[in-house]
PDB file of N, CA and C in Angstrom:
ATOM      1  N   MET A   1      85.596 -50.493   4.661  1.00  0.00           N
ATOM      2  CA  MET A   1      85.354 -50.451   6.491  1.00  0.00           C
ATOM      3  C   MET A   1      86.992 -49.810   6.693  1.00  0.00           C
ATOM      4  N   PHE A   2      87.142 -49.475   7.866  1.00  0.00           N
ATOM      5  CA  PHE A   2      88.226 -48.057   7.961  1.00  0.00           C
ATOM      6  C   PHE A   2      87.998 -48.041   9.531  1.00  0.00           C
ATOM      7  N   THR A   3      89.793 -48.202   9.895  1.00  0.00           N
ATOM      8  CA  THR A   3      90.031 -48.569  11.457  1.00  0.00           C
ATOM      9  C   THR A   3      89.374 -47.877  12.124  1.00  0.00           C
ATOM     10  N   ARG A   4      88.794 -46.492  12.044  1.00  0.00           N
ATOM     11  CA  ARG A   4      88.314 -45.929  12.799  1.00  0.00           C
ATOM     12  C   ARG A   4      86.943 -46.376  12.966  1.00  0.00           C
ATOM     13  N   ASP A   5      86.004 -46.786  11.936  1.00  0.00           N
ATOM     14  CA  ASP A   5      84.513 -47.687  12.208  1.00  0.00           C
ATOM     15  C   ASP A   5      84.906 -48.991  13.351  1.00  0.00           C
ATOM     16  N   VAL A   6      85.851 -49.583  13.096  1.00  0.00           N
ATOM     17  CA  VAL A   6      85.870 -51.044  14.161  1.00  0.00           C
ATOM     18  C   VAL A   6      86.233 -50.472  15.470  1.00  0.00           C
ATOM     19  N   LEU A   7      87.059 -49.334  16.124  1.00  0.00           N
ATOM     20  CA  LEU A   7      87.813 -49.284  17.178  1.00  0.00           C
ATOM     21  C   LEU A   7      86.345 -48.575  17.420  1.00  0.00           C
ATOM     22  N   ASN A   8      85.413 -47.813  16.802  1.00  0.00           N
ATOM     23  CA  ASN A   8      84.472 -47.018  17.461  1.00  0.00           C
ATOM     24  C   ASN A   8      82.832 -47.884  17.978  1.00  0.00           C
ATOM     25  N   TYR A   9      83.026 -49.213  16.675  1.00  0.00           N
ATOM     26  CA  TYR A   9      81.803 -49.800  16.633  1.00  0.00           C
ATOM     27  C   TYR A   9      82.109 -51.029  18.044  1.00  0.00           C
ATOM     28  N   PHE A  10      83.099 -51.260  18.557  1.00  0.00           N
ATOM     29  CA  PHE A  10      83.700 -51.973  19.499  1.00  0.00           C
ATOM     30  C   PHE A  10      83.900 -51.501  20.926  1.00  0.00           C
ATOM     31  N   ASP A  11      84.446 -49.784  20.555  1.00  0.00           N
ATOM     32  CA  ASP A  11      84.769 -49.148  21.632  1.00  0.00           C
ATOM     33  C   ASP A  11      86.251 -49.680  22.718  1.00  0.00           C
ATOM     34  N   ILE A  12      86.737 -50.086  21.279  1.00  0.00           N
ATOM     35  CA  ILE A  12      88.141 -50.964  21.559  1.00  0.00           C
ATOM     36  C   ILE A  12      89.854 -49.820  21.323  1.00  0.00           C
ATOM     37  N   THR A  13      90.533 -50.634  21.777  1.00  0.00           N
ATOM     38  CA  THR A  13      91.793 -49.735  21.305  1.00  0.00           C
ATOM     39  C   THR A  13      92.483 -50.539  20.142  1.00  0.00           C
ATOM     40  N   ARG A  14      93.514 -50.002  19.244  1.00  0.00           N
ATOM     41  CA  ARG A  14      94.184 -51.026  18.314  1.00  0.00           C
ATOM     42  C   ARG A  14      94.968 -52.366  18.991  1.00  0.00           C
ATOM     43  N   PRO A  15      95.300 -52.449  20.251  1.00  0.00           N
ATOM     44  CA  PRO A  15      96.010 -53.806  20.370  1.00  0.00           C
ATOM     45  C   PRO A  15      94.835 -54.488  20.785  1.00  0.00           C
ATOM     46  N   THR A  16      93.610 -54.196  21.466  1.00  0.00           N
ATOM     47  CA  THR A  16      92.638 -55.254  21.896  1.00  0.00           C
ATOM     48  C   THR A  16      92.199 -55.989  20.803  1.00  0.00           C
ATOM     49  N   LEU A  17      92.246 -54.988  19.501  1.00  0.00           N
ATOM     50  CA  LEU A  17      91.750 -55.390  18.032  1.00  0.00           C
ATOM     51  C   LEU A  17      92.471 -56.570  17.658  1.00  0.00           C
ATOM     52  N   ALA A  18      94.103 -56.220  17.819  1.00  0.00           N
ATOM     53  CA  ALA A  18      95.049 -57.266  17.215  1.00  0.00           C
ATOM     54  C   ALA A  18      94.571 -58.514  17.913  1.00  0.00           C
ATOM     55  N   ARG A  19      94.157 -58.478  18.987  1.00  0.00           N
ATOM     56  CA  ARG A  19      93.971 -59.708  19.993  1.00  0.00           C
ATOM     57  C   ARG A  19      92.798 -60.465  19.192  1.00  0.00           C
ATOM     58  N   ALA A  20      91.749 -59.930  19.249  1.00  0.00           N
ATOM     59  CA  ALA A  20      90.346 -59.974  18.854  1.00  0.00           C
ATOM     60  C   ALA A  20      90.448 -60.914  17.650  1.00  0.00           C
ATOM     61  N   LEU A  21      91.497 -60.641  16.385  1.00  0.00           N
ATOM     62  CA  LEU A  21      91.814 -60.977  15.367  1.00  0.00           C
ATOM     63  C   LEU A  21      92.806 -61.749  15.392  1.00  0.00           C
ATOM     64  N   ASP A  22      93.237 -61.830  16.512  1.00  0.00           N
ATOM     65  CA  ASP A  22      94.750 -63.121  16.411  1.00  0.00           C
ATOM     66  C   ASP A  22      96.033 -63.022  15.417  1.00  0.00           C
ATOM     67  N   ILE A  23      95.809 -61.027  15.450  1.00  0.00           N
ATOM     68  CA  ILE A  23      97.057 -60.837  14.497  1.00  0.00           C
ATOM     69  C   ILE A  23      97.760 -59.597  15.365  1.00  0.00           C
ATOM     70  N   SER A  24      99.753 -59.170  14.811  1.00  0.00           N
ATOM     71  CA  SER A  24      99.845 -58.199  15.672  1.00  0.00           C
ATOM     72  C   SER A  24      99.331 -57.040  15.635  1.00  0.00           C
ATOM     73  N   ASP A  25      99.917 -56.297  17.196  1.00  0.00           N
ATOM     74  CA  ASP A  25      99.690 -55.310  17.379  1.00  0.00           C
ATOM     75  C   ASP A  25     100.038 -54.335  16.221  1.00  0.00           C
ATOM     76  N   ALA A  26     101.304 -54.587  15.679  1.00  0.00           N
ATOM     77  CA  ALA A  26     101.894 -53.583  14.365  1.00  0.00           C
ATOM     78  C   ALA A  26     101.026 -54.315  13.800  1.00  0.00           C
ATOM     79  N   ALA A  27     100.748 -55.292  13.133  1.00  0.00           N
ATOM     80  CA  ALA A  27      99.531 -55.191  11.778  1.00  0.00           C
ATOM     81  C   ALA A  27      98.523 -54.076  11.796  1.00  0.00           C
ATOM     82  N   VAL A  28      97.824 -54.426  12.896  1.00  0.00           N
ATOM     83  CA  VAL A  28      96.784 -52.873  13.040  1.00  0.00           C
ATOM     84  C   VAL A  28      97.007 -51.739  13.387  1.00  0.00           C
ATOM     85  N   TYR A  29      98.645 -51.521  13.532  1.00  0.00           N
ATOM     86  CA  TYR A  29      99.146 -50.184  13.659  1.00  0.00           C
ATOM     87  C   TYR A  29      99.175 -49.329  12.032  1.00  0.00           C
ATOM     88  N   GLN A  30      99.506 -50.367  11.560  1.00  0.00           N
ATOM     89  CA  GLN A  30      99.766 -49.990  10.160  1.00  0.00           C
ATOM     90  C   GLN A  30      98.878 -49.807   8.853  1.00  0.00           C
ATOM     91  N   TRP A  31      97.729 -50.155   9.713  1.00  0.00           N
ATOM     92  CA  TRP A  31      96.173 -49.578   9.078  1.00  0.00           C
ATOM     93  C   TRP A  31      96.178 -48.128   9.317  1.00  0.00           C
ATOM     94  N   LYS A  32      95.862 -47.431   7.976  1.00  0.00           N
ATOM     95  CA  LYS A  32      95.528 -45.464   8.434  1.00  0.00           C
ATOM     96  C   LYS A  32      94.481 -45.767   8.585  1.00  0.00           C
ATOM     97  N   ASP A  33      94.224 -44.425   9.197  1.00  0.00           N
ATOM     98  CA  ASP A  33      92.831 -44.485   9.413  1.00  0.00           C
ATOM     99  C   ASP A  33      91.801 -43.890   8.566  1.00  0.00           C
ATOM    100  N   ASN A  34      92.344 -43.339   7.333  1.00  0.00           N
ATOM    101  CA  ASN A  34      91.581 -43.117   6.183  1.00  0.00           C
ATOM    102  C   ASN A  34      91.488 -44.144   4.866  1.00  0.00           C
ATOM    103  N   GLU A  35      92.086 -44.855   5.204  1.00  0.00           N
ATOM    104  CA  GLU A  35      92.315 -46.279   4.451  1.00  0.00           C
ATOM    105  C   GLU A  35      91.620 -47.423   4.604  1.00  0.00           C
ATOM    106  N   PRO A  36      90.573 -48.065   3.854  1.00  0.00           N
ATOM    107  CA  PRO A  36      90.250 -49.510   4.036  1.00  0.00           C
ATOM    108  C   PRO A  36      91.073 -50.556   5.068  1.00  0.00           C
ATOM    109  N   ILE A  37      90.511 -51.256   5.638  1.00  0.00           N
ATOM    110  CA  ILE A  37      91.519 -52.149   6.423  1.00  0.00           C
ATOM    111  C   ILE A  37      91.637 -53.481   5.338  1.00  0.00           C
ATOM    112  N   PRO A  38      92.566 -54.055   5.507  1.00  0.00           N
ATOM    113  CA  PRO A  38      92.710 -54.920   4.367  1.00  0.00           C
ATOM    114  C   PRO A  38      91.601 -55.921   4.126  1.00  0.00           C
ATOM    115  N   GLU A  39      91.245 -56.120   3.263  1.00  0.00           N
ATOM    116  CA  GLU A  39      90.148 -56.754   2.626  1.00  0.00           C
ATOM    117  C   GLU A  39      89.680 -58.498   3.598  1.00  0.00           C
ATOM    118  N   ALA A  40      90.715 -59.050   4.287  1.00  0.00           N
ATOM    119  CA  ALA A  40      90.018 -60.349   4.670  1.00  0.00           C
ATOM    120  C   ALA A  40      89.895 -59.861   5.872  1.00  0.00           C
ATOM    121  N   GLN A  41      90.024 -58.972   6.477  1.00  0.00           N
ATOM    122  CA  GLN A  41      89.912 -58.334   7.965  1.00  0.00           C
ATOM    123  C   GLN A  41      88.274 -57.945   8.056  1.00  0.00           C
ATOM    124  N   ALA A  42      88.282 -57.034   6.721  1.00  0.00           N
ATOM    125  CA  ALA A  42      86.947 -56.853   6.614  1.00  0.00           C
ATOM    126  C   ALA A  42      85.715 -57.510   6.487  1.00  0.00           C
ATOM    127  N   LEU A  43      86.417 -58.685   6.031  1.00  0.00           N
ATOM    128  CA  LEU A  43      85.299 -59.636   5.816  1.00  0.00           C
ATOM    129  C   LEU A  43      84.640 -60.001   7.060  1.00  0.00           C
ATOM    130  N   ARG A  44      86.070 -60.566   7.904  1.00  0.00           N
ATOM    131  CA  ARG A  44      85.294 -61.533   9.250  1.00  0.00           C
ATOM    132  C   ARG A  44      84.738 -60.662   9.944  1.00  0.00           C
ATOM    133  N   LEU A  45      84.988 -59.221  10.094  1.00  0.00           N
ATOM    134  CA  LEU A  45      84.628 -58.455  11.357  1.00  0.00           C
ATOM    135  C   LEU A  45      83.114 -58.329  10.600  1.00  0.00           C
ATOM    136  N   ALA A  46      82.762 -57.921   8.977  1.00  0.00           N
ATOM    137  CA  ALA A  46      81.608 -58.089   8.879  1.00  0.00           C
ATOM    138  C   ALA A  46      80.627 -59.322   9.063  1.00  0.00           C
ATOM    139  N   ALA A  47      80.822 -60.586   8.973  1.00  0.00           N
ATOM    140  CA  ALA A  47      80.316 -61.742   9.159  1.00  0.00           C
ATOM    141  C   ALA A  47      80.546 -62.069  10.956  1.00  0.00           C
ATOM    142  N   ALA A  48      81.325 -61.316  11.688  1.00  0.00           N
ATOM    143  CA  ALA A  48      81.683 -61.734  12.893  1.00  0.00           C
ATOM    144  C   ALA A  48      80.398 -60.506  14.145  1.00  0.00           C
ATOM    145  N   THR A  49      79.500 -59.639  13.052  1.00  0.00           N
ATOM    146  CA  THR A  49      79.410 -58.723  13.411  1.00  0.00           C
ATOM    147  C   THR A  49      77.594 -58.537  12.897  1.00  0.00           C
ATOM    148  N   GLY A  50      77.357 -59.607  12.146  1.00  0.00           N
ATOM    149  CA  GLY A  50      76.354 -59.674  11.413  1.00  0.00           C
ATOM    150  C   GLY A  50      76.131 -58.576  10.487  1.00  0.00           C
ATOM    151  N   ASN A  51      76.840 -58.442   9.862  1.00  0.00           N
ATOM    152  CA  ASN A  51      77.026 -56.591   8.764  1.00  0.00           C
ATOM    153  C   ASN A  51      76.901 -55.727   9.693  1.00  0.00           C
ATOM    154  N   GLY A  52      76.846 -55.872  10.901  1.00  0.00           N
ATOM    155  CA  GLY A  52      76.721 -54.762  11.792  1.00  0.00           C
ATOM    156  C   GLY A  52      77.955 -53.434  11.316  1.00  0.00           C
ATOM    157  N   LEU A  53      79.273 -54.075  10.717  1.00  0.00           N
ATOM    158  CA  LEU A  53      80.433 -53.182  10.198  1.00  0.00           C
ATOM    159  C   LEU A  53      80.128 -53.829   8.604  1.00  0.00           C
ATOM    160  N   ARG A  54      79.758 -53.078   8.013  1.00  0.00           N
ATOM    161  CA  ARG A  54      79.655 -53.519   6.661  1.00  0.00           C
ATOM    162  C   ARG A  54      80.845 -53.216   5.761  1.00  0.00           C
ATOM    163  N   TYR A  55      80.697 -54.791   5.047  1.00  0.00           N
ATOM    164  CA  TYR A  55      81.541 -54.932   4.147  1.00  0.00           C
ATOM    165  C   TYR A  55      81.784 -54.194   2.755  1.00  0.00           C
ATOM    166  N   ASP A  56      82.099 -53.368   1.994  1.00  0.00           N
ATOM    167  CA  ASP A  56      82.298 -52.394   1.090  1.00  0.00           C
ATOM    168  C   ASP A  56      83.038 -53.085  -0.227  1.00  0.00           C
ATOM    169  N   PRO A  57      82.608 -53.858  -1.325  1.00  0.00           N
ATOM    170  CA  PRO A  57      83.621 -54.322  -2.075  1.00  0.00           C
ATOM    171  C   PRO A  57      83.997 -53.109  -3.056  1.00  0.00           C
ATOM    172  N   GLU A  58      83.244 -52.038  -2.883  1.00  0.00           N
ATOM    173  CA  GLU A  58      84.001 -51.088  -3.921  1.00  0.00           C
ATOM    174  C   GLU A  58      84.806 -50.361  -3.231  1.00  0.00           C
ATOM    175  N   LEU A  59      85.517 -50.110  -1.621  1.00  0.00           N
ATOM    176  CA  LEU A  59      86.378 -50.112  -1.559  1.00  0.00           C
ATOM    177  C   LEU A  59      87.932 -50.758  -1.646  1.00  0.00           C
ATOM    178  N   TYR A  60      87.653 -52.153  -2.055  1.00  0.00           N
ATOM    179  CA  TYR A  60      88.804 -52.716  -2.641  1.00  0.00           C
ATOM    180  C   TYR A  60      88.843 -52.863  -4.051  1.00  0.00           C
ATOM    181  N   ASN A  61      88.051 -52.199  -4.838  1.00  0.00           N
ATOM    182  CA  ASN A  61      88.755 -52.527  -5.952  1.00  0.00           C
ATOM    183  C   ASN A  61      87.971 -53.449  -6.972  1.00  0.00           C
ATOM    184  N   PHE A  62      87.105 -53.889  -6.125  1.00  0.00           N
ATOM    185  CA  PHE A  62      86.642 -55.378  -6.904  1.00  0.00           C
ATOM    186  C   PHE A  62      85.799 -55.310  -8.446  1.00  0.00           C
ATOM    187  N   ASP A  63      86.902 -55.728  -9.224  1.00  0.00           N
ATOM    188  CA  ASP A  63      86.347 -55.842 -10.444  1.00  0.00           C
ATOM    189  C   ASP A  63      85.645 -57.200 -11.071  1.00  0.00           C
ATOM    190  N   SER A  64      84.744 -57.643 -11.463  1.00  0.00           N
ATOM    191  CA  SER A  64      84.021 -58.863 -11.315  1.00  0.00           C
ATOM    192  C   SER A  64      84.406 -59.359 -12.934  1.00  0.00           C
ATOM    193  N   ALA A  65      84.792 -58.214 -13.960  1.00  0.00           N
ATOM    194  CA  ALA A  65      84.752 -58.537 -15.434  1.00  0.00           C
ATOM    195  C   ALA A  65      86.177 -58.948 -15.548  1.00  0.00           C
ATOM    196  N   LYS A  66      87.363 -58.987 -14.358  1.00  0.00           N
ATOM    197  CA  LYS A  66      88.950 -59.101 -14.831  1.00  0.00           C
ATOM    198  C   LYS A  66      88.339 -60.109 -13.906  1.00  0.00           C
ATOM    199  N   LEU A  67      88.324 -60.838 -12.649  1.00  0.00           N
ATOM    200  CA  LEU A  67      88.120 -61.889 -11.854  1.00  0.00           C
ATOM    201  C   LEU A  67      87.355 -62.852 -13.411  1.00  0.00           C
ATOM    202  N   ASP A  68      86.474 -62.500 -13.553  1.00  0.00           N
ATOM    203  CA  ASP A  68      85.724 -63.485 -14.659  1.00  0.00           C
ATOM    204  C   ASP A  68      86.982 -63.880 -15.806  1.00  0.00           C
ATOM    205  N   LYS A  69      87.420 -62.856 -16.322  1.00  0.00           N
ATOM    206  CA  LYS A  69      88.649 -62.890 -17.373  1.00  0.00           C
ATOM    207  C   LYS A  69      89.578 -64.026 -16.921  1.00  0.00           C
ATOM    208  N   ILE A  70      89.792 -63.708 -15.654  1.00  0.00           N
ATOM    209  CA  ILE A  70      91.100 -64.426 -15.196  1.00  0.00           C
ATOM    210  C   ILE A  70      90.523 -66.247 -15.321  1.00  0.00           C
ATOM    211  N   LEU A  71      89.325 -65.828 -14.494  1.00  0.00           N
ATOM    212  CA  LEU A  71      88.660 -67.591 -14.690  1.00  0.00           C
ATOM    213  C   LEU A  71      88.749 -68.174 -15.825  1.00  0.00           C
ATOM    214  N   ALA A  72      88.157 -67.381 -16.260  1.00  0.00           N
ATOM    215  CA  ALA A  72      88.247 -68.052 -17.980  1.00  0.00           C
ATOM    216  C   ALA A  72      89.633 -68.467 -18.640  1.00  0.00           C
ATOM    217  N   ASN A  73      90.510 -67.942 -18.179  1.00  0.00           N
ATOM    218  CA  ASN A  73      91.972 -68.048 -19.028  1.00  0.00           C
ATOM    219  C   ASN A  73      92.597 -68.954 -18.028  1.00  0.00           C
ATOM    220  N   ARG A  74      92.193 -69.600 -16.910  1.00  0.00           N
ATOM    221  CA  ARG A  74      92.986 -70.680 -16.132  1.00  0.00           C
ATOM    222  C   ARG A  74      93.442 -71.693 -16.613  1.00  0.00           C
ATOM    223  N   PRO A  75      93.865 -72.116 -16.340  1.00  0.00           N
ATOM    224  CA  PRO A  75      94.314 -73.762 -17.106  1.00  0.00           C
ATOM    225  C   PRO A  75      93.406 -74.664 -16.293  1.00  0.00           C
ATOM    226  N   ARG A  76      92.477 -75.433 -17.275  1.00  0.00           N
ATOM    227  CA  ARG A  76      91.153 -76.413 -17.005  1.00  0.00           C
ATOM    228  C   ARG A  76      92.222 -77.675 -16.101  1.00  0.00           C
ATOM    229  N   GLU A  77      91.486 -78.156 -15.155  1.00  0.00           N
ATOM    230  CA  GLU A  77      92.094 -79.318 -14.105  1.00  0.00           C
ATOM    231  C   GLU A  77      91.717 -80.643 -15.321  1.00  0.00           C
ATOM    232  N   ARG A  78      92.529 -81.465 -15.291  1.00  0.00           N
ATOM    233  CA  ARG A  78      92.809 -82.841 -16.177  1.00  0.00           C
ATOM    234  C   ARG A  78      92.078 -83.411 -14.910  1.00  0.00           C
ATOM    235  N   ASP A  79      91.205 -84.769 -15.866  1.00  0.00           N
ATOM    236  CA  ASP A  79      90.138 -85.399 -14.914  1.00  0.00           C
ATOM    237  C   ASP A  79      91.024 -86.820 -14.220  1.00  0.00           C
ATOM    238  N   ASN A  80      90.986 -86.897 -12.868  1.00  0.00           N
ATOM    239  CA  ASN A  80      91.760 -87.891 -12.727  1.00  0.00           C
ATOM    240  C   ASN A  80      91.706 -89.726 -13.518  1.00  0.00           C
ATOM    241  N   ALA A  81      92.343 -89.923 -12.960  1.00  0.00           N
ATOM    242  CA  ALA A  81      92.560 -91.457 -13.598  1.00  0.00           C
ATOM    243  C   ALA A  81      91.162 -92.197 -13.811  1.00  0.00           C
ATOM    244  N   GLU A  82      90.081 -91.971 -12.822  1.00  0.00           N
ATOM    245  CA  GLU A  82      89.091 -92.831 -12.722  1.00  0.00           C
ATOM    246  C   GLU A  82      87.852 -91.950 -12.890  1.00  0.00           C
ATOM    247  N   GLY A  83      88.219 -90.500 -13.617  1.00  0.00           N
ATOM    248  CA  GLY A  83      87.260 -89.662 -14.192  1.00  0.00           C
ATOM    249  C   GLY A  83      86.531 -88.839 -13.161  1.00  0.00           C
ATOM    250  N   ASN A  84      86.831 -89.037 -12.178  1.00  0.00           N
ATOM    251  CA  ASN A  84      85.968 -88.285 -10.686  1.00  0.00           C
ATOM    252  C   ASN A  84      86.788 -86.987 -10.463  1.00  0.00           C
ATOM    253  N   PHE A  85      86.343 -85.824 -10.352  1.00  0.00           N
ATOM    254  CA  PHE A  85      86.739 -84.649 -10.586  1.00  0.00           C
ATOM    255  C   PHE A  85      85.434 -83.928 -10.034  1.00  0.00           C
TER     256      PHE A  85
END
């Protein structure tokens, strides 16, 4: 999802978008038109628009194999004293 997609979808300005997302104008002005917006904001906007604005994981270099490796190598949580976890 790109900045221009969001601005065109809602027909709004960057400052209005910043207020809607409850982030600073400066943050939105850092988003370059030819680069994806921050992933967290893309996910929020996709959810808020019922996927009218589509989140594309390919834009964010999502690598499920890398995630699987990270999860497999993380330390296992120890059971608490009562054995409930």
